[in-house]
Amino acid sequence: MSNQEKQQIVRFDWAMKHLLRDKANYDIVEGFLSALFEDNEIKVIDILESETNQKVENDKFNKVDVLVKDKTGRNIIIEIQNTKESDYLFRLLFGTSKNIVESIKLGEKYGKINKVISISILYFNLGIGKDYLYYGNTTFTGITTGEKIDKDNEKVKKLTPKGSKYNGIEIFPEYYLIEVNKYKNVVERAIDEWIFWFKNEKIKEGSKSKNIKKVQEKLDYLKMDDRTRREYERFLDRMASELDMIETAKEEGREEGKEEGIKEIAKTMLQTMSVEEVQKITKLSSELLKQL
């Protein structure tokens, strides 16, 4: 077995919460964002706990939510979600909207609103589409002409407030959805090298994207000191335990729902059939059927 095959790189969610907020490690976040945005000039100036995550207990594995500020003044929300939420897209909208509202003070001009980019790294199937990487933004299209209003449109530029870094089209939030489990381990572009790490906890041999090798240098499990390694192992144990509890609760819910469904069917059958006949079909006790 090669050294590359033996190597285990720590999970991105744990790294974001415990290691990557150190300025010495900003280069890893810059590498990821450069690959995603296809822009090698990305420069991170700060990484903060996101406002939307401050009510979540620090030791919860389910969600990591950080706010990255880059040199152009953009607020980049990176959210890593481990378990499914049926209202996830609604919460995504709330998070970006809250960040926008909090970017200006009451009475300030709207031109000071910050540009917000939301990045979701999901370890569950969102249930839409077949791709593993999606991008969304706001576009304006003529209903009758089909014309799209472009950011370089001169009239749009005139509508941009003085002092704003972004014009009237660019200011709207942008969204990236990365569904890790849908990724097939095929590298076709730079961002695929990073998603390979998210899914497999190792760097694909031959990876060349900006700063990807620094992940290998700084986040190698075997190179950690004893204290950090123990912290990471506790995180993995807790994550496995909590995922098991979630799956157990889901299974119990399915079984409970199935039993309630059988009871409802039995009630209908009892309107035209005897208790003995319904018992043979549903396998419910005669005592329960008499109660129904």
Protein backbone atom coordinates (compact mmCIF):
# COMPACT_ATOMS: atom_id res chain seq x y z
CA MET A 1 0.00 0.00 0.00
CA SER A 2 1.44 3.39 -1.01
CA ASN A 3 1.87 6.28 1.42
CA GLN A 4 -0.81 8.16 -0.53
CA GLU A 5 -3.27 5.31 0.04
CA LYS A 6 -2.45 5.17 3.78
CA GLN A 7 -2.89 8.89 4.26
CA GLN A 8 -6.07 10.09 5.92
CA ILE A 9 -6.94 13.77 5.63
CA VAL A 10 -9.27 15.13 8.32
CA ARG A 11 -12.83 15.99 7.31
CA PHE A 12 -13.43 19.48 5.92
CA ASP A 13 -16.20 20.27 8.42
CA TRP A 14 -13.99 19.51 11.43
CA ALA A 15 -11.07 21.38 9.85
CA MET A 16 -13.24 24.47 9.25
CA LYS A 17 -14.41 24.47 12.85
CA HIS A 18 -11.02 23.78 14.51
CA LEU A 19 -8.07 24.48 12.21
CA LEU A 20 -8.78 26.61 9.17
CA ARG A 21 -9.72 29.77 11.09
CA ASP A 22 -6.06 30.18 11.94
CA LYS A 23 -4.61 32.81 9.57
CA ALA A 24 -1.73 30.44 8.85
CA ASN A 25 -4.26 28.09 7.25
CA TYR A 26 -6.27 30.61 5.21
CA ASP A 27 -4.38 29.41 2.14
CA ILE A 28 -6.39 26.16 2.20
CA VAL A 29 -9.72 28.03 2.17
CA GLU A 30 -8.35 30.29 -0.58
CA GLY A 31 -7.46 27.23 -2.62
CA PHE A 32 -10.96 25.80 -2.28
CA LEU A 33 -12.64 29.09 -3.20
CA SER A 34 -10.24 29.65 -6.11
CA ALA A 35 -11.19 26.25 -7.53
CA LEU A 36 -14.92 26.83 -7.02
CA PHE A 37 -14.98 30.37 -8.42
CA GLU A 38 -12.30 29.62 -11.04
CA ASP A 39 -10.43 32.69 -9.84
CA ASN A 40 -6.84 32.37 -8.59
CA GLU A 41 -6.83 35.88 -7.15
CA ILE A 42 -9.06 35.02 -4.17
CA LYS A 43 -7.65 36.39 -0.92
CA VAL A 44 -9.29 35.63 2.44
CA ILE A 45 -8.98 38.37 5.05
CA ASP A 46 -11.08 36.84 7.86
CA ILE A 47 -13.04 33.73 8.87
CA LEU A 48 -15.74 34.14 11.51
CA GLU A 49 -18.46 32.13 13.20
CA SER A 50 -21.58 32.81 11.14
CA GLU A 51 -24.47 34.60 12.88
CA THR A 52 -26.79 31.78 11.82
CA ASN A 53 -24.66 29.24 13.68
CA GLN A 54 -24.23 30.98 17.02
CA LYS A 55 -27.29 29.33 18.54
CA VAL A 56 -25.95 25.85 17.72
CA GLU A 57 -23.99 24.05 20.45
CA ASN A 58 -20.28 23.97 19.72
CA ASP A 59 -20.00 20.20 19.93
CA LYS A 60 -22.75 19.40 17.44
CA PHE A 61 -21.43 17.64 14.37
CA ASN A 62 -24.46 18.19 12.16
CA LYS A 63 -23.69 21.66 10.81
CA VAL A 64 -20.65 23.90 10.42
CA ASP A 65 -21.44 27.43 9.29
CA VAL A 66 -18.67 29.99 8.84
CA LEU A 67 -18.46 33.45 7.32
CA VAL A 68 -15.48 34.19 5.08
CA LYS A 69 -14.60 37.77 4.13
CA ASP A 70 -12.44 38.24 1.04
CA LYS A 71 -10.36 41.20 -0.16
CA THR A 72 -13.18 42.50 -2.42
CA GLY A 73 -15.56 42.84 0.55
CA ARG A 74 -17.73 39.84 -0.26
CA ASN A 75 -19.31 37.84 2.54
CA ILE A 76 -18.98 34.14 1.70
CA ILE A 77 -21.04 31.77 3.83
CA ILE A 78 -19.68 28.22 3.84
CA GLU A 79 -22.13 25.75 5.34
CA ILE A 80 -21.40 22.05 5.75
CA GLN A 81 -24.48 19.96 6.50
CA ASN A 82 -24.38 16.28 7.45
CA THR A 83 -28.04 15.30 7.80
CA LYS A 84 -31.10 16.05 5.73
CA GLU A 85 -33.48 18.93 6.45
CA SER A 86 -36.67 19.13 4.43
CA ASP A 87 -36.69 22.95 4.59
CA TYR A 88 -32.99 23.34 3.77
CA LEU A 89 -33.46 25.69 0.79
CA PHE A 90 -35.70 27.95 2.87
CA ARG A 91 -33.07 28.11 5.62
CA LEU A 92 -30.47 28.87 2.94
CA LEU A 93 -32.49 31.89 1.84
CA PHE A 94 -32.92 33.01 5.45
CA GLY A 95 -29.16 32.82 6.06
CA THR A 96 -28.24 34.98 3.07
CA SER A 97 -31.06 37.43 3.75
CA LYS A 98 -30.04 37.83 7.39
CA ASN A 99 -26.45 38.48 6.37
CA ILE A 100 -27.54 41.12 3.85
CA VAL A 101 -29.74 42.92 6.38
CA GLU A 102 -26.98 42.93 8.98
CA SER A 103 -24.42 44.33 6.51
CA ILE A 104 -25.86 47.85 6.83
CA LYS A 105 -27.00 49.89 9.80
CA LEU A 106 -30.41 51.49 10.10
CA GLY A 107 -30.45 54.67 8.04
CA GLU A 108 -27.42 53.82 5.92
CA LYS A 109 -27.70 53.94 2.14
CA TYR A 110 -28.46 50.67 0.38
CA GLY A 111 -25.30 51.05 -1.68
CA LYS A 112 -23.36 49.78 1.33
CA ILE A 113 -24.99 46.35 1.20
CA ASN A 114 -22.40 43.58 1.02
CA LYS A 115 -22.28 41.00 -1.74
CA VAL A 116 -23.16 37.57 -0.31
CA ILE A 117 -22.20 34.18 -1.73
CA SER A 118 -23.61 31.06 -0.12
CA ILE A 119 -21.78 27.73 -0.45
CA SER A 120 -23.47 24.56 0.80
CA ILE A 121 -21.45 21.36 1.13
CA LEU A 122 -24.07 18.65 1.68
CA TYR A 123 -23.48 15.09 2.85
CA PHE A 124 -27.07 14.11 2.08
CA ASN A 125 -29.18 13.86 -1.05
CA LEU A 126 -31.07 17.11 -1.43
CA GLY A 127 -33.56 15.24 -3.62
CA ILE A 128 -33.34 17.42 -6.71
CA GLY A 129 -31.33 16.98 -9.89
CA LYS A 130 -28.71 14.45 -10.92
CA ASP A 131 -25.59 16.63 -10.75
CA TYR A 132 -23.33 17.05 -7.70
CA LEU A 133 -22.52 20.75 -8.25
CA TYR A 134 -25.11 23.50 -8.83
CA TYR A 135 -24.86 27.26 -9.19
CA GLY A 136 -27.71 29.75 -8.83
CA ASN A 137 -28.07 33.51 -9.17
CA THR A 138 -30.68 36.15 -9.97
CA THR A 139 -31.22 36.99 -13.62
CA PHE A 140 -33.63 39.39 -15.30
CA THR A 141 -35.07 38.26 -18.62
CA GLY A 142 -37.50 40.10 -20.86
CA ILE A 143 -40.82 38.24 -20.95
CA THR A 144 -41.57 39.22 -24.56
CA THR A 145 -38.07 39.73 -26.00
CA GLY A 146 -36.08 37.10 -24.12
CA GLU A 147 -33.38 39.73 -23.58
CA LYS A 148 -31.18 39.19 -20.52
CA ILE A 149 -30.00 42.27 -18.65
CA ASP A 150 -26.23 41.95 -18.43
CA LYS A 151 -24.01 43.41 -15.69
CA ASP A 152 -22.11 45.34 -18.38
CA ASN A 153 -25.27 47.08 -19.58
CA GLU A 154 -24.57 50.83 -19.48
CA LYS A 155 -27.97 51.67 -18.00
CA VAL A 156 -27.42 49.14 -15.24
CA LYS A 157 -24.10 50.81 -14.44
CA LYS A 158 -25.90 54.16 -14.10
CA LEU A 159 -28.30 52.60 -11.58
CA THR A 160 -25.41 51.54 -9.36
CA PRO A 161 -25.04 53.72 -6.22
CA LYS A 162 -21.81 55.69 -5.89
CA GLY A 163 -19.28 53.89 -3.72
CA SER A 164 -20.77 50.44 -4.27
CA LYS A 165 -18.31 47.76 -5.37
CA TYR A 166 -21.02 45.85 -7.25
CA ASN A 167 -23.57 47.00 -9.79
CA GLY A 168 -27.30 46.45 -9.67
CA ILE A 169 -27.12 42.97 -11.20
CA GLU A 170 -24.04 41.63 -9.42
CA ILE A 171 -25.25 42.60 -5.94
CA PHE A 172 -27.78 39.77 -5.72
CA PRO A 173 -26.73 36.65 -3.74
CA GLU A 174 -25.16 33.70 -5.49
CA TYR A 175 -25.53 30.09 -4.42
CA TYR A 176 -23.42 26.97 -4.80
CA LEU A 177 -24.75 23.55 -3.84
CA ILE A 178 -22.25 20.69 -3.58
CA GLU A 179 -23.85 17.29 -3.01
CA VAL A 180 -20.83 15.26 -1.96
CA ASN A 181 -22.38 11.80 -2.08
CA LYS A 182 -23.40 12.24 -5.74
CA TYR A 183 -19.81 12.86 -6.80
CA LYS A 184 -18.41 9.88 -8.76
CA ASN A 185 -14.69 10.42 -7.97
CA VAL A 186 -13.98 11.63 -11.52
CA VAL A 187 -11.79 14.75 -11.75
CA GLU A 188 -12.71 16.99 -14.68
CA ARG A 189 -12.04 20.42 -13.18
CA ALA A 190 -10.12 21.92 -10.26
CA ILE A 191 -13.06 21.90 -7.84
CA ASP A 192 -13.40 18.13 -8.31
CA GLU A 193 -10.06 17.63 -6.56
CA TRP A 194 -11.50 19.32 -3.47
CA ILE A 195 -14.79 17.43 -3.57
CA PHE A 196 -12.75 14.21 -3.84
CA TRP A 197 -11.24 15.13 -0.44
CA PHE A 198 -14.67 15.93 1.04
CA LYS A 199 -15.95 12.51 0.03
CA ASN A 200 -12.93 10.27 0.55
CA GLU A 201 -10.91 11.99 3.30
CA LYS A 202 -7.78 11.88 1.17
CA ILE A 203 -6.29 13.87 -1.69
CA LYS A 204 -6.46 12.28 -5.14
CA GLU A 205 -3.02 11.40 -6.43
CA GLY A 206 -1.86 13.86 -9.07
CA SER A 207 -4.03 16.76 -7.85
CA LYS A 208 -2.71 20.11 -9.06
CA SER A 209 -5.22 22.82 -8.11
CA LYS A 210 -4.06 25.85 -6.13
CA ASN A 211 -2.98 24.99 -2.52
CA ILE A 212 -4.40 21.44 -2.66
CA LYS A 213 -1.00 20.05 -1.61
CA LYS A 214 -1.13 22.24 1.51
CA VAL A 215 -4.19 20.24 2.59
CA GLN A 216 -1.98 17.16 2.46
CA GLU A 217 0.74 18.91 4.48
CA LYS A 218 -1.41 20.55 7.15
CA LEU A 219 -4.44 18.28 7.61
CA ASP A 220 -2.82 14.84 7.58
CA TYR A 221 -4.30 12.85 10.47
CA LEU A 222 -0.99 11.08 11.11
CA LYS A 223 0.90 14.38 11.47
CA MET A 224 -1.38 15.73 14.20
CA ASP A 225 -0.18 16.06 17.77
CA ASP A 226 -1.77 13.69 20.29
CA ARG A 227 -4.24 16.22 21.68
CA THR A 228 -5.57 17.28 18.26
CA ARG A 229 -5.79 13.66 17.12
CA ARG A 230 -7.84 12.74 20.20
CA GLU A 231 -10.17 15.68 19.56
CA TYR A 232 -10.70 14.53 15.99
CA GLU A 233 -11.31 10.93 17.05
CA ARG A 234 -13.90 12.10 19.58
CA PHE A 235 -15.59 14.09 16.81
CA LEU A 236 -15.75 10.99 14.57
CA ASP A 237 -17.10 8.85 17.42
CA ARG A 238 -19.73 11.44 18.30
CA MET A 239 -20.73 11.83 14.67
CA ALA A 240 -21.12 8.06 14.23
CA SER A 241 -23.15 7.85 17.45
CA GLU A 242 -25.45 10.75 16.58
CA LEU A 243 -25.97 9.52 13.02
CA ASP A 244 -26.91 6.11 14.43
CA MET A 245 -29.42 7.74 16.80
CA ILE A 246 -30.94 9.71 13.93
CA GLU A 247 -31.28 6.58 11.78
CA THR A 248 -32.77 4.66 14.71
CA ALA A 249 -35.32 7.43 15.30
CA LYS A 250 -36.22 7.43 11.60
CA GLU A 251 -36.69 3.65 11.60
CA GLU A 252 -38.84 3.80 14.74
CA GLY A 253 -40.89 6.54 13.10
CA ARG A 254 -41.37 4.42 9.98
CA GLU A 255 -42.44 1.41 12.06
CA GLU A 256 -44.81 3.55 14.13
CA GLY A 257 -46.28 5.05 10.96
CA LYS A 258 -46.68 1.60 9.42
CA GLU A 259 -48.54 0.34 12.51
CA GLU A 260 -50.85 3.36 12.53
CA GLY A 261 -51.54 2.80 8.83
CA ILE A 262 -52.52 -0.83 9.46
CA LYS A 263 -54.86 0.29 12.25
CA GLU A 264 -56.58 2.76 9.91
CA ILE A 265 -56.99 0.06 7.26
CA ALA A 266 -58.37 -2.31 9.89
CA LYS A 267 -60.95 0.28 10.96
CA THR A 268 -62.23 0.48 7.39
CA MET A 269 -62.30 -3.32 7.00
CA LEU A 270 -64.25 -3.76 10.25
CA GLN A 271 -67.16 -1.85 8.72
CA THR A 272 -67.90 -4.81 6.44
CA MET A 273 -65.90 -7.73 7.89
CA SER A 274 -65.81 -9.68 11.15
CA VAL A 275 -63.05 -9.31 13.75
CA GLU A 276 -61.78 -12.81 12.92
CA GLU A 277 -61.50 -12.05 9.19
CA VAL A 278 -59.67 -8.76 9.77
CA GLN A 279 -57.34 -10.43 12.27
CA LYS A 280 -56.26 -13.02 9.71
CA ILE A 281 -55.38 -10.31 7.20
CA THR A 282 -53.79 -7.65 9.44
CA LYS A 283 -52.29 -9.93 12.16
CA LEU A 284 -53.52 -7.44 14.77
CA SER A 285 -54.74 -8.85 18.10
CA SER A 286 -58.45 -9.47 18.56
CA GLU A 287 -58.38 -7.23 21.68
CA LEU A 288 -57.01 -4.29 19.65
CA LEU A 289 -59.50 -4.90 16.83
CA LYS A 290 -62.36 -4.86 19.32
CA GLN A 291 -61.10 -1.52 20.63
CA LEU A 292 -61.00 -0.17 17.08
